[in-house]
Amino acid sequence: MSSFFFPQKKVVFFDMNNTLVDRRRCFDFAFVDALSEFTGRWAPEASTWTAQDALHSYKLEWSRARKAEDKPPYPLRKSVSVP
């Protein structure tokens, strides 16, 4: 009798519509989890910041940087056509 399980075969899923995995929630969870593990080594009185505070600050700065990318560093000039 043959087995239906074939360990040689591998499958890759592309979640183009974010229907299988919510990437924002996954990022938030991974960010907080990694930072909590790192900051857990600090002395409790060293900082009043939590991993959630750091995530909020990161998102604010990332949003500001994205908005700054959309603006040109200098005013755009009209192009002049040469006859």
PDB file of N, CA and C in Angstrom:
ATOM      1  N   MET A   1       0.846  -1.172   0.000  1.00  0.00           N
ATOM      2  CA  MET A   1       0.000   0.000   0.000  1.00  0.00           C
ATOM      3  C   MET A   1       0.895   1.240   0.000  1.00  0.00           C
ATOM      4  N   SER A   2       0.611   2.190  -0.866  1.00  0.00           N
ATOM      5  CA  SER A   2       1.452   3.390  -0.955  1.00  0.00           C
ATOM      6  C   SER A   2       0.937   4.476  -0.012  1.00  0.00           C
ATOM      7  N   SER A   3       1.867   5.254   0.425  1.00  0.00           N
ATOM      8  CA  SER A   3       1.536   6.341   1.349  1.00  0.00           C
ATOM      9  C   SER A   3       1.122   7.586   0.566  1.00  0.00           C
ATOM     10  N   PHE A   4       0.217   8.366   1.133  1.00  0.00           N
ATOM     11  CA  PHE A   4      -0.210   9.607   0.488  1.00  0.00           C
ATOM     12  C   PHE A   4       0.687  10.785   0.867  1.00  0.00           C
ATOM     13  N   PHE A   5       1.569  10.564   1.798  1.00  0.00           N
ATOM     14  CA  PHE A   5       2.451  11.635   2.259  1.00  0.00           C
ATOM     15  C   PHE A   5       3.776  11.556   1.507  1.00  0.00           C
ATOM     16  N   PHE A   6       4.130  12.630   0.828  1.00  0.00           N
ATOM     17  CA  PHE A   6       5.377  12.675   0.073  1.00  0.00           C
ATOM     18  C   PHE A   6       6.242  13.811   0.612  1.00  0.00           C
ATOM     19  N   PRO A   7       7.230  13.530   1.444  1.00  0.00           N
ATOM     20  CA  PRO A   7       8.040  14.598   2.032  1.00  0.00           C
ATOM     21  C   PRO A   7       8.898  15.343   1.013  1.00  0.00           C
ATOM     22  N   GLN A   8       9.091  14.795  -0.186  1.00  0.00           N
ATOM     23  CA  GLN A   8       9.902  15.463  -1.194  1.00  0.00           C
ATOM     24  C   GLN A   8       9.181  16.675  -1.782  1.00  0.00           C
ATOM     25  N   LYS A   9       7.875  16.642  -1.779  1.00  0.00           N
ATOM     26  CA  LYS A   9       7.107  17.721  -2.387  1.00  0.00           C
ATOM     27  C   LYS A   9       6.979  18.882  -1.423  1.00  0.00           C
ATOM     28  N   LYS A  10       7.146  20.069  -1.972  1.00  0.00           N
ATOM     29  CA  LYS A  10       7.027  21.276  -1.164  1.00  0.00           C
ATOM     30  C   LYS A  10       6.055  22.218  -1.858  1.00  0.00           C
ATOM     31  N   VAL A  11       5.407  23.050  -1.080  1.00  0.00           N
ATOM     32  CA  VAL A  11       4.408  23.964  -1.619  1.00  0.00           C
ATOM     33  C   VAL A  11       4.740  25.371  -1.156  1.00  0.00           C
ATOM     34  N   VAL A  12       4.545  26.324  -2.040  1.00  0.00           N
ATOM     35  CA  VAL A  12       4.726  27.732  -1.701  1.00  0.00           C
ATOM     36  C   VAL A  12       3.403  28.437  -1.954  1.00  0.00           C
ATOM     37  N   PHE A  13       2.923  29.160  -0.948  1.00  0.00           N
ATOM     38  CA  PHE A  13       1.695  29.928  -1.083  1.00  0.00           C
ATOM     39  C   PHE A  13       2.049  31.400  -1.210  1.00  0.00           C
ATOM     40  N   PHE A  14       1.431  32.067  -2.155  1.00  0.00           N
ATOM     41  CA  PHE A  14       1.575  33.511  -2.294  1.00  0.00           C
ATOM     42  C   PHE A  14       0.259  34.139  -1.877  1.00  0.00           C
ATOM     43  N   ASP A  15       0.292  34.876  -0.805  1.00  0.00           N
ATOM     44  CA  ASP A  15      -0.909  35.499  -0.248  1.00  0.00           C
ATOM     45  C   ASP A  15      -0.991  36.941  -0.751  1.00  0.00           C
ATOM     46  N   MET A  16      -1.448  37.111  -1.972  1.00  0.00           N
ATOM     47  CA  MET A  16      -1.455  38.433  -2.598  1.00  0.00           C
ATOM     48  C   MET A  16      -2.503  39.373  -2.003  1.00  0.00           C
ATOM     49  N   ASN A  17      -3.571  38.844  -1.462  1.00  0.00           N
ATOM     50  CA  ASN A  17      -4.657  39.682  -0.937  1.00  0.00           C
ATOM     51  C   ASN A  17      -4.698  39.726   0.584  1.00  0.00           C
ATOM     52  N   ASN A  18      -3.667  39.204   1.232  1.00  0.00           N
ATOM     53  CA  ASN A  18      -3.614  39.153   2.698  1.00  0.00           C
ATOM     54  C   ASN A  18      -4.822  38.428   3.286  1.00  0.00           C
ATOM     55  N   THR A  19      -5.216  37.339   2.646  1.00  0.00           N
ATOM     56  CA  THR A  19      -6.355  36.576   3.145  1.00  0.00           C
ATOM     57  C   THR A  19      -5.922  35.461   4.091  1.00  0.00           C
ATOM     58  N   LEU A  20      -4.696  34.982   3.954  1.00  0.00           N
ATOM     59  CA  LEU A  20      -4.216  33.908   4.820  1.00  0.00           C
ATOM     60  C   LEU A  20      -3.504  34.445   6.051  1.00  0.00           C
ATOM     61  N   VAL A  21      -2.727  35.493   5.872  1.00  0.00           N
ATOM     62  CA  VAL A  21      -1.925  36.048   6.958  1.00  0.00           C
ATOM     63  C   VAL A  21      -2.085  37.563   6.965  1.00  0.00           C
ATOM     64  N   ASP A  22      -2.372  38.103   8.117  1.00  0.00           N
ATOM     65  CA  ASP A  22      -2.437  39.558   8.271  1.00  0.00           C
ATOM     66  C   ASP A  22      -1.026  40.037   8.581  1.00  0.00           C
ATOM     67  N   ARG A  23      -0.358  40.606   7.579  1.00  0.00           N
ATOM     68  CA  ARG A  23       1.051  40.944   7.746  1.00  0.00           C
ATOM     69  C   ARG A  23       1.278  42.030   8.779  1.00  0.00           C
ATOM     70  N   ARG A  24       0.329  42.929   8.963  1.00  0.00           N
ATOM     71  CA  ARG A  24       0.495  43.975   9.980  1.00  0.00           C
ATOM     72  C   ARG A  24       0.475  43.384  11.389  1.00  0.00           C
ATOM     73  N   ARG A  25      -0.474  42.512  11.637  1.00  0.00           N
ATOM     74  CA  ARG A  25      -0.535  41.882  12.966  1.00  0.00           C
ATOM     75  C   ARG A  25       0.684  41.009  13.207  1.00  0.00           C
ATOM     76  N   CYS A  26       1.128  40.295  12.172  1.00  0.00           N
ATOM     77  CA  CYS A  26       2.316  39.450  12.312  1.00  0.00           C
ATOM     78  C   CYS A  26       3.549  40.299  12.587  1.00  0.00           C
ATOM     79  N   PHE A  27       3.681  41.424  11.876  1.00  0.00           N
ATOM     80  CA  PHE A  27       4.820  42.311  12.107  1.00  0.00           C
ATOM     81  C   PHE A  27       4.781  42.868  13.519  1.00  0.00           C
ATOM     82  N   ASP A  28       3.610  43.352  13.935  1.00  0.00           N
ATOM     83  CA  ASP A  28       3.480  43.917  15.282  1.00  0.00           C
ATOM     84  C   ASP A  28       3.844  42.884  16.343  1.00  0.00           C
ATOM     85  N   PHE A  29       3.330  41.674  16.185  1.00  0.00           N
ATOM     86  CA  PHE A  29       3.610  40.621  17.158  1.00  0.00           C
ATOM     87  C   PHE A  29       5.102  40.300  17.198  1.00  0.00           C
ATOM     88  N   ALA A  30       5.718  40.139  16.027  1.00  0.00           N
ATOM     89  CA  ALA A  30       7.141  39.800  15.970  1.00  0.00           C
ATOM     90  C   ALA A  30       7.999  40.933  16.528  1.00  0.00           C
ATOM     91  N   PHE A  31       7.645  42.182  16.221  1.00  0.00           N
ATOM     92  CA  PHE A  31       8.389  43.346  16.714  1.00  0.00           C
ATOM     93  C   PHE A  31       8.345  43.393  18.234  1.00  0.00           C
ATOM     94  N   VAL A  32       7.148  43.294  18.782  1.00  0.00           N
ATOM     95  CA  VAL A  32       6.984  43.364  20.238  1.00  0.00           C
ATOM     96  C   VAL A  32       7.653  42.167  20.913  1.00  0.00           C
ATOM     97  N   ASP A  33       7.508  40.991  20.337  1.00  0.00           N
ATOM     98  CA  ASP A  33       8.107  39.792  20.919  1.00  0.00           C
ATOM     99  C   ASP A  33       9.632  39.890  20.944  1.00  0.00           C
ATOM    100  N   ALA A  34      10.227  40.291  19.827  1.00  0.00           N
ATOM    101  CA  ALA A  34      11.688  40.407  19.766  1.00  0.00           C
ATOM    102  C   ALA A  34      12.193  41.496  20.698  1.00  0.00           C
ATOM    103  N   LEU A  35      11.519  42.627  20.713  1.00  0.00           N
ATOM    104  CA  LEU A  35      11.961  43.730  21.564  1.00  0.00           C
ATOM    105  C   LEU A  35      11.755  43.402  23.037  1.00  0.00           C
ATOM    106  N   SER A  36      10.688  42.722  23.369  1.00  0.00           N
ATOM    107  CA  SER A  36      10.448  42.335  24.763  1.00  0.00           C
ATOM    108  C   SER A  36      11.535  41.401  25.266  1.00  0.00           C
ATOM    109  N   GLU A  37      11.942  40.484  24.408  1.00  0.00           N
ATOM    110  CA  GLU A  37      13.003  39.564  24.809  1.00  0.00           C
ATOM    111  C   GLU A  37      14.315  40.319  25.013  1.00  0.00           C
ATOM    112  N   PHE A  38      14.592  41.289  24.149  1.00  0.00           N
ATOM    113  CA  PHE A  38      15.830  42.062  24.268  1.00  0.00           C
ATOM    114  C   PHE A  38      15.794  42.984  25.476  1.00  0.00           C
ATOM    115  N   THR A  39      14.699  43.710  25.647  1.00  0.00           N
ATOM    116  CA  THR A  39      14.620  44.668  26.746  1.00  0.00           C
ATOM    117  C   THR A  39      14.378  43.985  28.079  1.00  0.00           C
ATOM    118  N   GLY A  40      14.009  42.732  28.074  1.00  0.00           N
ATOM    119  CA  GLY A  40      13.831  41.998  29.318  1.00  0.00           C
ATOM    120  C   GLY A  40      15.129  41.846  30.091  1.00  0.00           C
ATOM    121  N   ARG A  41      16.235  42.087  29.413  1.00  0.00           N
ATOM    122  CA  ARG A  41      17.542  41.984  30.061  1.00  0.00           C
ATOM    123  C   ARG A  41      17.940  43.281  30.747  1.00  0.00           C
ATOM    124  N   TRP A  42      17.233  44.360  30.472  1.00  0.00           N
ATOM    125  CA  TRP A  42      17.553  45.643  31.087  1.00  0.00           C
ATOM    126  C   TRP A  42      17.024  45.679  32.518  1.00  0.00           C
ATOM    127  N   ALA A  43      17.590  46.551  33.295  1.00  0.00           N
ATOM    128  CA  ALA A  43      17.101  46.746  34.663  1.00  0.00           C
ATOM    129  C   ALA A  43      15.720  47.387  34.594  1.00  0.00           C
ATOM    130  N   PRO A  44      14.794  46.981  35.453  1.00  0.00           N
ATOM    131  CA  PRO A  44      13.427  47.519  35.391  1.00  0.00           C
ATOM    132  C   PRO A  44      13.368  49.037  35.549  1.00  0.00           C
ATOM    133  N   GLU A  45      14.251  49.608  36.346  1.00  0.00           N
ATOM    134  CA  GLU A  45      14.206  51.056  36.557  1.00  0.00           C
ATOM    135  C   GLU A  45      14.937  51.824  35.452  1.00  0.00           C
ATOM    136  N   ALA A  46      15.555  51.116  34.503  1.00  0.00           N
ATOM    137  CA  ALA A  46      16.332  51.777  33.454  1.00  0.00           C
ATOM    138  C   ALA A  46      15.445  52.566  32.498  1.00  0.00           C
ATOM    139  N   SER A  47      14.252  52.124  32.276  1.00  0.00           N
ATOM    140  CA  SER A  47      13.386  52.804  31.318  1.00  0.00           C
ATOM    141  C   SER A  47      11.924  52.521  31.645  1.00  0.00           C
ATOM    142  N   THR A  48      11.104  53.484  31.343  1.00  0.00           N
ATOM    143  CA  THR A  48       9.668  53.288  31.536  1.00  0.00           C
ATOM    144  C   THR A  48       9.001  52.883  30.230  1.00  0.00           C
ATOM    145  N   TRP A  49       9.776  52.776  29.150  1.00  0.00           N
ATOM    146  CA  TRP A  49       9.230  52.398  27.857  1.00  0.00           C
ATOM    147  C   TRP A  49       8.914  50.917  27.820  1.00  0.00           C
ATOM    148  N   THR A  50       7.850  50.594  27.119  1.00  0.00           N
ATOM    149  CA  THR A  50       7.506  49.197  26.887  1.00  0.00           C
ATOM    150  C   THR A  50       7.720  48.891  25.412  1.00  0.00           C
ATOM    151  N   ALA A  51       7.629  47.637  25.061  1.00  0.00           N
ATOM    152  CA  ALA A  51       7.762  47.250  23.661  1.00  0.00           C
ATOM    153  C   ALA A  51       6.628  47.846  22.834  1.00  0.00           C
ATOM    154  N   GLN A  52       5.442  47.963  23.407  1.00  0.00           N
ATOM    155  CA  GLN A  52       4.310  48.572  22.697  1.00  0.00           C
ATOM    156  C   GLN A  52       4.587  50.048  22.407  1.00  0.00           C
ATOM    157  N   ASP A  53       5.204  50.752  23.361  1.00  0.00           N
ATOM    158  CA  ASP A  53       5.566  52.154  23.138  1.00  0.00           C
ATOM    159  C   ASP A  53       6.578  52.277  22.003  1.00  0.00           C
ATOM    160  N   ALA A  54       7.545  51.380  21.977  1.00  0.00           N
ATOM    161  CA  ALA A  54       8.553  51.394  20.921  1.00  0.00           C
ATOM    162  C   ALA A  54       7.915  51.114  19.564  1.00  0.00           C
ATOM    163  N   LEU A  55       6.968  50.200  19.513  1.00  0.00           N
ATOM    164  CA  LEU A  55       6.265  49.901  18.266  1.00  0.00           C
ATOM    165  C   LEU A  55       5.495  51.121  17.788  1.00  0.00           C
ATOM    166  N   HIS A  56       4.823  51.788  18.687  1.00  0.00           N
ATOM    167  CA  HIS A  56       4.068  52.990  18.327  1.00  0.00           C
ATOM    168  C   HIS A  56       5.012  54.075  17.789  1.00  0.00           C
ATOM    169  N   SER A  57       6.128  54.278  18.450  1.00  0.00           N
ATOM    170  CA  SER A  57       7.111  55.267  18.011  1.00  0.00           C
ATOM    171  C   SER A  57       7.687  54.894  16.645  1.00  0.00           C
ATOM    172  N   TYR A  58       7.977  53.619  16.451  1.00  0.00           N
ATOM    173  CA  TYR A  58       8.500  53.148  15.168  1.00  0.00           C
ATOM    174  C   TYR A  58       7.510  53.431  14.045  1.00  0.00           C
ATOM    175  N   LYS A  59       6.245  53.139  14.279  1.00  0.00           N
ATOM    176  CA  LYS A  59       5.232  53.356  13.246  1.00  0.00           C
ATOM    177  C   LYS A  59       5.072  54.835  12.915  1.00  0.00           C
ATOM    178  N   LEU A  60       5.137  55.700  13.927  1.00  0.00           N
ATOM    179  CA  LEU A  60       5.048  57.140  13.674  1.00  0.00           C
ATOM    180  C   LEU A  60       6.215  57.620  12.814  1.00  0.00           C
ATOM    181  N   GLU A  61       7.421  57.216  13.167  1.00  0.00           N
ATOM    182  CA  GLU A  61       8.599  57.639  12.407  1.00  0.00           C
ATOM    183  C   GLU A  61       8.587  57.057  10.999  1.00  0.00           C
ATOM    184  N   TRP A  62       8.149  55.825  10.861  1.00  0.00           N
ATOM    185  CA  TRP A  62       8.081  55.204   9.545  1.00  0.00           C
ATOM    186  C   TRP A  62       7.073  55.934   8.668  1.00  0.00           C
ATOM    187  N   SER A  63       5.955  56.321   9.257  1.00  0.00           N
ATOM    188  CA  SER A  63       4.934  57.060   8.519  1.00  0.00           C
ATOM    189  C   SER A  63       5.467  58.420   8.078  1.00  0.00           C
ATOM    190  N   ARG A  64       6.176  59.106   8.960  1.00  0.00           N
ATOM    191  CA  ARG A  64       6.763  60.404   8.598  1.00  0.00           C
ATOM    192  C   ARG A  64       7.775  60.251   7.470  1.00  0.00           C
ATOM    193  N   ALA A  65       8.586  59.232   7.528  1.00  0.00           N
ATOM    194  CA  ALA A  65       9.591  59.008   6.486  1.00  0.00           C
ATOM    195  C   ALA A  65       8.931  58.710   5.149  1.00  0.00           C
ATOM    196  N   ARG A  66       7.850  57.943   5.168  1.00  0.00           N
ATOM    197  CA  ARG A  66       7.134  57.642   3.919  1.00  0.00           C
ATOM    198  C   ARG A  66       6.537  58.897   3.310  1.00  0.00           C
ATOM    199  N   LYS A  67       5.984  59.770   4.146  1.00  0.00           N
ATOM    200  CA  LYS A  67       5.411  61.016   3.643  1.00  0.00           C
ATOM    201  C   LYS A  67       6.499  61.919   3.080  1.00  0.00           C
ATOM    202  N   ALA A  68       7.668  61.931   3.703  1.00  0.00           N
ATOM    203  CA  ALA A  68       8.772  62.756   3.230  1.00  0.00           C
ATOM    204  C   ALA A  68       9.303  62.248   1.892  1.00  0.00           C
ATOM    205  N   GLU A  69       9.227  60.956   1.639  1.00  0.00           N
ATOM    206  CA  GLU A  69       9.675  60.396   0.361  1.00  0.00           C
ATOM    207  C   GLU A  69       8.804  60.875  -0.789  1.00  0.00           C
ATOM    208  N   ASP A  70       7.539  61.120  -0.523  1.00  0.00           N
ATOM    209  CA  ASP A  70       6.617  61.531  -1.571  1.00  0.00           C
ATOM    210  C   ASP A  70       6.839  62.971  -2.014  1.00  0.00           C
ATOM    211  N   LYS A  71       7.441  63.787  -1.163  1.00  0.00           N
ATOM    212  CA  LYS A  71       7.667  65.187  -1.493  1.00  0.00           C
ATOM    213  C   LYS A  71       9.057  65.359  -2.090  1.00  0.00           C
ATOM    214  N   PRO A  72       9.157  66.097  -3.194  1.00  0.00           N
ATOM    215  CA  PRO A  72      10.488  66.354  -3.743  1.00  0.00           C
ATOM    216  C   PRO A  72      11.245  67.326  -2.841  1.00  0.00           C
ATOM    217  N   PRO A  73      12.563  67.231  -2.779  1.00  0.00           N
ATOM    218  CA  PRO A  73      13.333  68.115  -1.900  1.00  0.00           C
ATOM    219  C   PRO A  73      13.367  69.557  -2.384  1.00  0.00           C
ATOM    220  N   TYR A  74      12.956  69.801  -3.621  1.00  0.00           N
ATOM    221  CA  TYR A  74      12.948  71.148  -4.179  1.00  0.00           C
ATOM    222  C   TYR A  74      11.668  71.316  -4.980  1.00  0.00           C
ATOM    223  N   PRO A  75      11.226  72.557  -5.204  1.00  0.00           N
ATOM    224  CA  PRO A  75       9.995  72.741  -5.974  1.00  0.00           C
ATOM    225  C   PRO A  75      10.193  72.296  -7.424  1.00  0.00           C
ATOM    226  N   LEU A  76       9.193  71.650  -7.955  1.00  0.00           N
ATOM    227  CA  LEU A  76       9.264  71.205  -9.343  1.00  0.00           C
ATOM    228  C   LEU A  76       9.109  72.395 -10.279  1.00  0.00           C
ATOM    229  N   ARG A  77       9.875  72.378 -11.358  1.00  0.00           N
ATOM    230  CA  ARG A  77       9.801  73.449 -12.348  1.00  0.00           C
ATOM    231  C   ARG A  77       9.090  72.916 -13.579  1.00  0.00           C
ATOM    232  N   LYS A  78       8.462  73.838 -14.281  1.00  0.00           N
ATOM    233  CA  LYS A  78       7.830  73.447 -15.537  1.00  0.00           C
ATOM    234  C   LYS A  78       8.919  73.177 -16.563  1.00  0.00           C
ATOM    235  N   SER A  79       8.722  72.160 -17.338  1.00  0.00           N
ATOM    236  CA  SER A  79       9.701  71.885 -18.390  1.00  0.00           C
ATOM    237  C   SER A  79       9.428  72.800 -19.575  1.00  0.00           C
ATOM    238  N   VAL A  80      10.475  73.262 -20.164  1.00  0.00           N
ATOM    239  CA  VAL A  80      10.369  74.171 -21.302  1.00  0.00           C
ATOM    240  C   VAL A  80      10.754  73.399 -22.541  1.00  0.00           C
ATOM    241  N   SER A  81       9.883  73.438 -23.527  1.00  0.00           N
ATOM    242  CA  SER A  81      10.198  72.738 -24.769  1.00  0.00           C
ATOM    243  C   SER A  81      10.996  73.662 -25.678  1.00  0.00           C
ATOM    244  N   VAL A  82      12.013  73.108 -26.288  1.00  0.00           N
ATOM    245  CA  VAL A  82      12.869  73.873 -27.188  1.00  0.00           C
ATOM    246  C   VAL A  82      12.440  73.554 -28.608  1.00  0.00           C
ATOM    247  N   PRO A  83      12.190  74.629 -29.430  1.00  0.00           N
ATOM    248  CA  PRO A  83      11.737  74.363 -30.817  1.00  0.00           C
ATOM    249  C   PRO A  83      12.811  73.786 -31.699  1.00  0.00           C
TER     250      PRO A  83
END
